[in-house]
Amino acid sequence: MTYFVYLIGCYTDSKLITYVGYTNNLLKRVNLHNEGKGAKFTKGRKWKIIYYEKYKKKKEALSREIYLKKNRKLRNLIKNKYK
């Protein structure tokens, strides 16, 4: 099975905010976020995929998700590239 680590973003008050997550069905997961059925933080906003990575193992995807969530410098680099 394929797993994805993703970074989604949306603009609020002309500021780009982001969320990092993982899933095995990327488009379905982003649609759930946009329908208000995703994580609590993502409710009420319209999200777009900014960046994603593919992994063959769930453990690798989870490890990378945690790394991206904790590493603000890397997240900001990705974010600034796609503004």
PDB file of N, CA and C in Angstrom:
ATOM      1  N   MET A   1       0.845  -1.180   0.000  1.00  0.00           N
ATOM      2  CA  MET A   1       0.000   0.000   0.000  1.00  0.00           C
ATOM      3  C   MET A   1       0.892   1.246   0.000  1.00  0.00           C
ATOM      4  N   THR A   2       0.409   2.305  -0.601  1.00  0.00           N
ATOM      5  CA  THR A   2       1.137   3.565  -0.657  1.00  0.00           C
ATOM      6  C   THR A   2       0.575   4.524   0.386  1.00  0.00           C
ATOM      7  N   TYR A   3       1.487   5.236   1.041  1.00  0.00           N
ATOM      8  CA  TYR A   3       1.102   6.243   2.033  1.00  0.00           C
ATOM      9  C   TYR A   3       1.669   7.590   1.602  1.00  0.00           C
ATOM     10  N   PHE A   4       0.971   8.629   1.964  1.00  0.00           N
ATOM     11  CA  PHE A   4       1.374   9.980   1.613  1.00  0.00           C
ATOM     12  C   PHE A   4       1.532  10.825   2.867  1.00  0.00           C
ATOM     13  N   VAL A   5       2.575  11.632   2.882  1.00  0.00           N
ATOM     14  CA  VAL A   5       2.719  12.694   3.875  1.00  0.00           C
ATOM     15  C   VAL A   5       2.454  13.964   3.096  1.00  0.00           C
ATOM     16  N   TYR A   6       1.579  14.795   3.623  1.00  0.00           N
ATOM     17  CA  TYR A   6       1.158  15.956   2.844  1.00  0.00           C
ATOM     18  C   TYR A   6       1.202  17.236   3.678  1.00  0.00           C
ATOM     19  N   LEU A   7       1.350  18.327   2.963  1.00  0.00           N
ATOM     20  CA  LEU A   7       1.288  19.664   3.536  1.00  0.00           C
ATOM     21  C   LEU A   7       0.195  20.392   2.763  1.00  0.00           C
ATOM     22  N   ILE A   8      -0.853  20.791   3.479  1.00  0.00           N
ATOM     23  CA  ILE A   8      -1.927  21.547   2.851  1.00  0.00           C
ATOM     24  C   ILE A   8      -1.898  22.969   3.392  1.00  0.00           C
ATOM     25  N   GLY A   9      -2.427  23.883   2.621  1.00  0.00           N
ATOM     26  CA  GLY A   9      -2.404  25.276   3.049  1.00  0.00           C
ATOM     27  C   GLY A   9      -3.666  26.010   2.671  1.00  0.00           C
ATOM     28  N   CYS A  10      -3.907  27.096   3.390  1.00  0.00           N
ATOM     29  CA  CYS A  10      -5.010  27.997   3.055  1.00  0.00           C
ATOM     30  C   CYS A  10      -4.645  29.391   3.557  1.00  0.00           C
ATOM     31  N   TYR A  11      -5.227  30.386   2.900  1.00  0.00           N
ATOM     32  CA  TYR A  11      -4.961  31.768   3.271  1.00  0.00           C
ATOM     33  C   TYR A  11      -6.039  32.289   4.216  1.00  0.00           C
ATOM     34  N   THR A  12      -5.598  32.916   5.301  1.00  0.00           N
ATOM     35  CA  THR A  12      -6.495  33.643   6.199  1.00  0.00           C
ATOM     36  C   THR A  12      -5.838  34.984   6.486  1.00  0.00           C
ATOM     37  N   ASP A  13      -6.565  36.044   6.266  1.00  0.00           N
ATOM     38  CA  ASP A  13      -6.034  37.395   6.470  1.00  0.00           C
ATOM     39  C   ASP A  13      -4.709  37.585   5.745  1.00  0.00           C
ATOM     40  N   SER A  14      -4.654  37.133   4.498  1.00  0.00           N
ATOM     41  CA  SER A  14      -3.477  37.219   3.624  1.00  0.00           C
ATOM     42  C   SER A  14      -2.246  36.517   4.190  1.00  0.00           C
ATOM     43  N   LYS A  15      -2.447  35.578   5.101  1.00  0.00           N
ATOM     44  CA  LYS A  15      -1.348  34.793   5.663  1.00  0.00           C
ATOM     45  C   LYS A  15      -1.594  33.320   5.328  1.00  0.00           C
ATOM     46  N   LEU A  16      -0.554  32.644   4.846  1.00  0.00           N
ATOM     47  CA  LEU A  16      -0.666  31.232   4.516  1.00  0.00           C
ATOM     48  C   LEU A  16      -0.475  30.395   5.778  1.00  0.00           C
ATOM     49  N   ILE A  17      -1.487  29.605   6.125  1.00  0.00           N
ATOM     50  CA  ILE A  17      -1.355  28.681   7.247  1.00  0.00           C
ATOM     51  C   ILE A  17      -1.312  27.265   6.680  1.00  0.00           C
ATOM     52  N   THR A  18      -0.612  26.368   7.377  1.00  0.00           N
ATOM     53  CA  THR A  18      -0.417  25.024   6.854  1.00  0.00           C
ATOM     54  C   THR A  18      -0.768  23.965   7.887  1.00  0.00           C
ATOM     55  N   TYR A  19      -0.976  22.766   7.369  1.00  0.00           N
ATOM     56  CA  TYR A  19      -1.259  21.597   8.192  1.00  0.00           C
ATOM     57  C   TYR A  19      -0.529  20.410   7.568  1.00  0.00           C
ATOM     58  N   VAL A  20       0.084  19.579   8.391  1.00  0.00           N
ATOM     59  CA  VAL A  20       0.793  18.383   7.929  1.00  0.00           C
ATOM     60  C   VAL A  20       0.035  17.158   8.401  1.00  0.00           C
ATOM     61  N   GLY A  21      -0.091  16.168   7.522  1.00  0.00           N
ATOM     62  CA  GLY A  21      -0.747  14.924   7.893  1.00  0.00           C
ATOM     63  C   GLY A  21      -0.249  13.779   7.038  1.00  0.00           C
ATOM     64  N   TYR A  22      -0.807  12.575   7.283  1.00  0.00           N
ATOM     65  CA  TYR A  22      -0.484  11.432   6.445  1.00  0.00           C
ATOM     66  C   TYR A  22      -1.771  10.670   6.146  1.00  0.00           C
ATOM     67  N   THR A  23      -1.765   9.935   5.045  1.00  0.00           N
ATOM     68  CA  THR A  23      -2.946   9.177   4.630  1.00  0.00           C
ATOM     69  C   THR A  23      -2.548   8.137   3.600  1.00  0.00           C
ATOM     70  N   ASN A  24      -3.471   7.239   3.295  1.00  0.00           N
ATOM     71  CA  ASN A  24      -3.231   6.304   2.194  1.00  0.00           C
ATOM     72  C   ASN A  24      -4.081   6.677   0.970  1.00  0.00           C
ATOM     73  N   ASN A  25      -4.905   7.726   1.089  1.00  0.00           N
ATOM     74  CA  ASN A  25      -5.704   8.222  -0.035  1.00  0.00           C
ATOM     75  C   ASN A  25      -5.704   9.756   0.022  1.00  0.00           C
ATOM     76  N   LEU A  26      -4.791  10.348  -0.686  1.00  0.00           N
ATOM     77  CA  LEU A  26      -4.532  11.782  -0.571  1.00  0.00           C
ATOM     78  C   LEU A  26      -5.733  12.651  -0.959  1.00  0.00           C
ATOM     79  N   LEU A  27      -6.315  12.419  -2.110  1.00  0.00           N
ATOM     80  CA  LEU A  27      -7.424  13.272  -2.561  1.00  0.00           C
ATOM     81  C   LEU A  27      -8.642  13.141  -1.647  1.00  0.00           C
ATOM     82  N   LYS A  28      -8.941  11.931  -1.229  1.00  0.00           N
ATOM     83  CA  LYS A  28     -10.069  11.724  -0.318  1.00  0.00           C
ATOM     84  C   LYS A  28      -9.838  12.457   1.001  1.00  0.00           C
ATOM     85  N   ARG A  29      -8.615  12.405   1.501  1.00  0.00           N
ATOM     86  CA  ARG A  29      -8.296  13.046   2.780  1.00  0.00           C
ATOM     87  C   ARG A  29      -8.427  14.566   2.685  1.00  0.00           C
ATOM     88  N   VAL A  30      -7.943  15.162   1.619  1.00  0.00           N
ATOM     89  CA  VAL A  30      -8.052  16.611   1.454  1.00  0.00           C
ATOM     90  C   VAL A  30      -9.521  17.007   1.320  1.00  0.00           C
ATOM     91  N   ASN A  31     -10.294  16.204   0.611  1.00  0.00           N
ATOM     92  CA  ASN A  31     -11.730  16.478   0.500  1.00  0.00           C
ATOM     93  C   ASN A  31     -12.398  16.418   1.869  1.00  0.00           C
ATOM     94  N   LEU A  32     -12.006  15.476   2.710  1.00  0.00           N
ATOM     95  CA  LEU A  32     -12.553  15.398   4.065  1.00  0.00           C
ATOM     96  C   LEU A  32     -12.206  16.655   4.870  1.00  0.00           C
ATOM     97  N   HIS A  33     -10.968  17.121   4.725  1.00  0.00           N
ATOM     98  CA  HIS A  33     -10.575  18.368   5.397  1.00  0.00           C
ATOM     99  C   HIS A  33     -11.477  19.512   4.934  1.00  0.00           C
ATOM    100  N   ASN A  34     -11.719  19.589   3.644  1.00  0.00           N
ATOM    101  CA  ASN A  34     -12.530  20.677   3.091  1.00  0.00           C
ATOM    102  C   ASN A  34     -14.012  20.567   3.451  1.00  0.00           C
ATOM    103  N   GLU A  35     -14.465  19.378   3.779  1.00  0.00           N
ATOM    104  CA  GLU A  35     -15.857  19.165   4.185  1.00  0.00           C
ATOM    105  C   GLU A  35     -16.045  19.324   5.692  1.00  0.00           C
ATOM    106  N   GLY A  36     -14.972  19.658   6.391  1.00  0.00           N
ATOM    107  CA  GLY A  36     -15.057  19.841   7.836  1.00  0.00           C
ATOM    108  C   GLY A  36     -15.005  18.544   8.617  1.00  0.00           C
ATOM    109  N   LYS A  37     -14.594  17.459   7.958  1.00  0.00           N
ATOM    110  CA  LYS A  37     -14.543  16.156   8.608  1.00  0.00           C
ATOM    111  C   LYS A  37     -13.109  15.700   8.864  1.00  0.00           C
ATOM    112  N   GLY A  38     -12.169  16.597   8.707  1.00  0.00           N
ATOM    113  CA  GLY A  38     -10.773  16.262   8.946  1.00  0.00           C
ATOM    114  C   GLY A  38     -10.405  16.586  10.377  1.00  0.00           C
ATOM    115  N   ALA A  39      -9.175  16.924  10.574  1.00  0.00           N
ATOM    116  CA  ALA A  39      -8.684  17.297  11.898  1.00  0.00           C
ATOM    117  C   ALA A  39      -9.388  18.563  12.383  1.00  0.00           C
ATOM    118  N   LYS A  40      -9.474  18.714  13.674  1.00  0.00           N
ATOM    119  CA  LYS A  40     -10.158  19.866  14.277  1.00  0.00           C
ATOM    120  C   LYS A  40      -9.580  21.196  13.769  1.00  0.00           C
ATOM    121  N   PHE A  41      -8.278  21.263  13.645  1.00  0.00           N
ATOM    122  CA  PHE A  41      -7.597  22.480  13.195  1.00  0.00           C
ATOM    123  C   PHE A  41      -8.016  22.894  11.788  1.00  0.00           C
ATOM    124  N   THR A  42      -8.373  21.932  10.949  1.00  0.00           N
ATOM    125  CA  THR A  42      -8.641  22.236   9.538  1.00  0.00           C
ATOM    126  C   THR A  42     -10.092  22.597   9.240  1.00  0.00           C
ATOM    127  N   LYS A  43     -10.965  22.477  10.203  1.00  0.00           N
ATOM    128  CA  LYS A  43     -12.391  22.723   9.967  1.00  0.00           C
ATOM    129  C   LYS A  43     -12.671  24.181   9.615  1.00  0.00           C
ATOM    130  N   GLY A  44     -13.597  24.368   8.674  1.00  0.00           N
ATOM    131  CA  GLY A  44     -14.041  25.706   8.317  1.00  0.00           C
ATOM    132  C   GLY A  44     -13.145  26.440   7.345  1.00  0.00           C
ATOM    133  N   ARG A  45     -12.196  25.750   6.761  1.00  0.00           N
ATOM    134  CA  ARG A  45     -11.286  26.387   5.804  1.00  0.00           C
ATOM    135  C   ARG A  45     -11.258  25.576   4.518  1.00  0.00           C
ATOM    136  N   LYS A  46     -10.831  26.195   3.433  1.00  0.00           N
ATOM    137  CA  LYS A  46     -10.670  25.510   2.154  1.00  0.00           C
ATOM    138  C   LYS A  46      -9.182  25.306   1.914  1.00  0.00           C
ATOM    139  N   TRP A  47      -8.786  24.062   1.840  1.00  0.00           N
ATOM    140  CA  TRP A  47      -7.379  23.678   1.765  1.00  0.00           C
ATOM    141  C   TRP A  47      -6.976  23.262   0.362  1.00  0.00           C
ATOM    142  N   LYS A  48      -5.709  23.507   0.040  1.00  0.00           N
ATOM    143  CA  LYS A  48      -5.108  23.051  -1.204  1.00  0.00           C
ATOM    144  C   LYS A  48      -3.824  22.312  -0.867  1.00  0.00           C
ATOM    145  N   ILE A  49      -3.529  21.295  -1.642  1.00  0.00           N
ATOM    146  CA  ILE A  49      -2.286  20.549  -1.451  1.00  0.00           C
ATOM    147  C   ILE A  49      -1.128  21.428  -1.897  1.00  0.00           C
ATOM    148  N   ILE A  50      -0.173  21.620  -1.014  1.00  0.00           N
ATOM    149  CA  ILE A  50       1.022  22.398  -1.329  1.00  0.00           C
ATOM    150  C   ILE A  50       2.172  21.468  -1.692  1.00  0.00           C
ATOM    151  N   TYR A  51       2.261  20.345  -0.961  1.00  0.00           N
ATOM    152  CA  TYR A  51       3.409  19.461  -1.106  1.00  0.00           C
ATOM    153  C   TYR A  51       3.027  18.077  -0.597  1.00  0.00           C
ATOM    154  N   TYR A  52       3.577  17.033  -1.223  1.00  0.00           N
ATOM    155  CA  TYR A  52       3.372  15.680  -0.685  1.00  0.00           C
ATOM    156  C   TYR A  52       4.545  14.772  -1.054  1.00  0.00           C
ATOM    157  N   GLU A  53       4.688  13.715  -0.289  1.00  0.00           N
ATOM    158  CA  GLU A  53       5.711  12.695  -0.511  1.00  0.00           C
ATOM    159  C   GLU A  53       5.034  11.331  -0.432  1.00  0.00           C
ATOM    160  N   LYS A  54       5.544  10.344  -1.193  1.00  0.00           N
ATOM    161  CA  LYS A  54       4.990   8.991  -1.203  1.00  0.00           C
ATOM    162  C   LYS A  54       5.926   8.036  -0.451  1.00  0.00           C
ATOM    163  N   TYR A  55       5.309   7.109   0.281  1.00  0.00           N
ATOM    164  CA  TYR A  55       6.062   6.084   1.004  1.00  0.00           C
ATOM    165  C   TYR A  55       5.380   4.737   0.841  1.00  0.00           C
ATOM    166  N   LYS A  56       6.173   3.675   0.863  1.00  0.00           N
ATOM    167  CA  LYS A  56       5.631   2.328   0.756  1.00  0.00           C
ATOM    168  C   LYS A  56       5.214   1.773   2.109  1.00  0.00           C
ATOM    169  N   LYS A  57       5.816   2.285   3.174  1.00  0.00           N
ATOM    170  CA  LYS A  57       5.529   1.766   4.511  1.00  0.00           C
ATOM    171  C   LYS A  57       4.903   2.838   5.390  1.00  0.00           C
ATOM    172  N   LYS A  58       3.887   2.436   6.139  1.00  0.00           N
ATOM    173  CA  LYS A  58       3.186   3.361   7.031  1.00  0.00           C
ATOM    174  C   LYS A  58       4.139   3.949   8.069  1.00  0.00           C
ATOM    175  N   LYS A  59       5.025   3.120   8.587  1.00  0.00           N
ATOM    176  CA  LYS A  59       5.977   3.562   9.603  1.00  0.00           C
ATOM    177  C   LYS A  59       6.857   4.703   9.082  1.00  0.00           C
ATOM    178  N   GLU A  60       7.292   4.599   7.837  1.00  0.00           N
ATOM    179  CA  GLU A  60       8.116   5.657   7.234  1.00  0.00           C
ATOM    180  C   GLU A  60       7.313   6.952   7.101  1.00  0.00           C
ATOM    181  N   ALA A  61       6.064   6.824   6.671  1.00  0.00           N
ATOM    182  CA  ALA A  61       5.207   8.005   6.496  1.00  0.00           C
ATOM    183  C   ALA A  61       4.952   8.689   7.837  1.00  0.00           C
ATOM    184  N   LEU A  62       4.651   7.903   8.862  1.00  0.00           N
ATOM    185  CA  LEU A  62       4.414   8.475  10.194  1.00  0.00           C
ATOM    186  C   LEU A  62       5.654   9.184  10.728  1.00  0.00           C
ATOM    187  N   SER A  63       6.802   8.571  10.522  1.00  0.00           N
ATOM    188  CA  SER A  63       8.058   9.166  10.974  1.00  0.00           C
ATOM    189  C   SER A  63       8.312  10.505  10.277  1.00  0.00           C
ATOM    190  N   ARG A  64       8.073  10.540   8.971  1.00  0.00           N
ATOM    191  CA  ARG A  64       8.281  11.772   8.203  1.00  0.00           C
ATOM    192  C   ARG A  64       7.270  12.848   8.596  1.00  0.00           C
ATOM    193  N   GLU A  65       6.012  12.443   8.836  1.00  0.00           N
ATOM    194  CA  GLU A  65       4.991  13.397   9.274  1.00  0.00           C
ATOM    195  C   GLU A  65       5.416  14.071  10.577  1.00  0.00           C
ATOM    196  N   ILE A  66       5.862  13.286  11.524  1.00  0.00           N
ATOM    197  CA  ILE A  66       6.311  13.831  12.813  1.00  0.00           C
ATOM    198  C   ILE A  66       7.478  14.783  12.601  1.00  0.00           C
ATOM    199  N   TYR A  67       8.404  14.385  11.734  1.00  0.00           N
ATOM    200  CA  TYR A  67       9.566  15.233  11.453  1.00  0.00           C
ATOM    201  C   TYR A  67       9.133  16.578  10.874  1.00  0.00           C
ATOM    202  N   LEU A  68       8.219  16.560   9.900  1.00  0.00           N
ATOM    203  CA  LEU A  68       7.753  17.810   9.288  1.00  0.00           C
ATOM    204  C   LEU A  68       6.978  18.677  10.275  1.00  0.00           C
ATOM    205  N   LYS A  69       6.183  18.051  11.129  1.00  0.00           N
ATOM    206  CA  LYS A  69       5.419  18.822  12.102  1.00  0.00           C
ATOM    207  C   LYS A  69       6.335  19.536  13.089  1.00  0.00           C
ATOM    208  N   LYS A  70       7.429  18.906  13.447  1.00  0.00           N
ATOM    209  CA  LYS A  70       8.345  19.490  14.429  1.00  0.00           C
ATOM    210  C   LYS A  70       9.353  20.453  13.816  1.00  0.00           C
ATOM    211  N   ASN A  71       9.667  20.284  12.542  1.00  0.00           N
ATOM    212  CA  ASN A  71      10.712  21.070  11.891  1.00  0.00           C
ATOM    213  C   ASN A  71      10.116  22.289  11.191  1.00  0.00           C
ATOM    214  N   ARG A  72       9.968  23.369  11.935  1.00  0.00           N
ATOM    215  CA  ARG A  72       9.370  24.600  11.400  1.00  0.00           C
ATOM    216  C   ARG A  72      10.189  25.203  10.263  1.00  0.00           C
ATOM    217  N   LYS A  73      11.528  25.109  10.348  1.00  0.00           N
ATOM    218  CA  LYS A  73      12.366  25.685   9.295  1.00  0.00           C
ATOM    219  C   LYS A  73      12.088  25.017   7.954  1.00  0.00           C
ATOM    220  N   LEU A  74      12.021  23.700   7.957  1.00  0.00           N
ATOM    221  CA  LEU A  74      11.749  22.972   6.719  1.00  0.00           C
ATOM    222  C   LEU A  74      10.345  23.270   6.209  1.00  0.00           C
ATOM    223  N   ARG A  75       9.358  23.300   7.107  1.00  0.00           N
ATOM    224  CA  ARG A  75       7.986  23.629   6.709  1.00  0.00           C
ATOM    225  C   ARG A  75       7.913  25.011   6.082  1.00  0.00           C
ATOM    226  N   ASN A  76       8.614  25.964   6.667  1.00  0.00           N
ATOM    227  CA  ASN A  76       8.609  27.327   6.129  1.00  0.00           C
ATOM    228  C   ASN A  76       9.290  27.400   4.773  1.00  0.00           C
ATOM    229  N   LEU A  77      10.342  26.601   4.572  1.00  0.00           N
ATOM    230  CA  LEU A  77      11.001  26.554   3.262  1.00  0.00           C
ATOM    231  C   LEU A  77      10.025  26.048   2.201  1.00  0.00           C
ATOM    232  N   ILE A  78       9.317  24.982   2.523  1.00  0.00           N
ATOM    233  CA  ILE A  78       8.333  24.427   1.594  1.00  0.00           C
ATOM    234  C   ILE A  78       7.223  25.439   1.355  1.00  0.00           C
ATOM    235  N   LYS A  79       6.739  26.027   2.444  1.00  0.00           N
ATOM    236  CA  LYS A  79       5.661  27.001   2.372  1.00  0.00           C
ATOM    237  C   LYS A  79       6.050  28.192   1.478  1.00  0.00           C
ATOM    238  N   ASN A  80       7.232  28.731   1.702  1.00  0.00           N
ATOM    239  CA  ASN A  80       7.679  29.904   0.936  1.00  0.00           C
ATOM    240  C   ASN A  80       7.881  29.592  -0.546  1.00  0.00           C
ATOM    241  N   LYS A  81       8.232  28.353  -0.842  1.00  0.00           N
ATOM    242  CA  LYS A  81       8.422  27.956  -2.231  1.00  0.00           C
ATOM    243  C   LYS A  81       7.107  27.959  -2.991  1.00  0.00           C
ATOM    244  N   TYR A  82       5.997  27.705  -2.303  1.00  0.00           N
ATOM    245  CA  TYR A  82       4.704  27.570  -2.965  1.00  0.00           C
ATOM    246  C   TYR A  82       3.751  28.726  -2.709  1.00  0.00           C
ATOM    247  N   LYS A  83       4.248  29.842  -2.204  1.00  0.00           N
ATOM    248  CA  LYS A  83       3.395  31.026  -1.970  1.00  0.00           C
ATOM    249  C   LYS A  83       2.984  31.644  -3.272  1.00  0.00           C
TER     250      LYS A  83
END
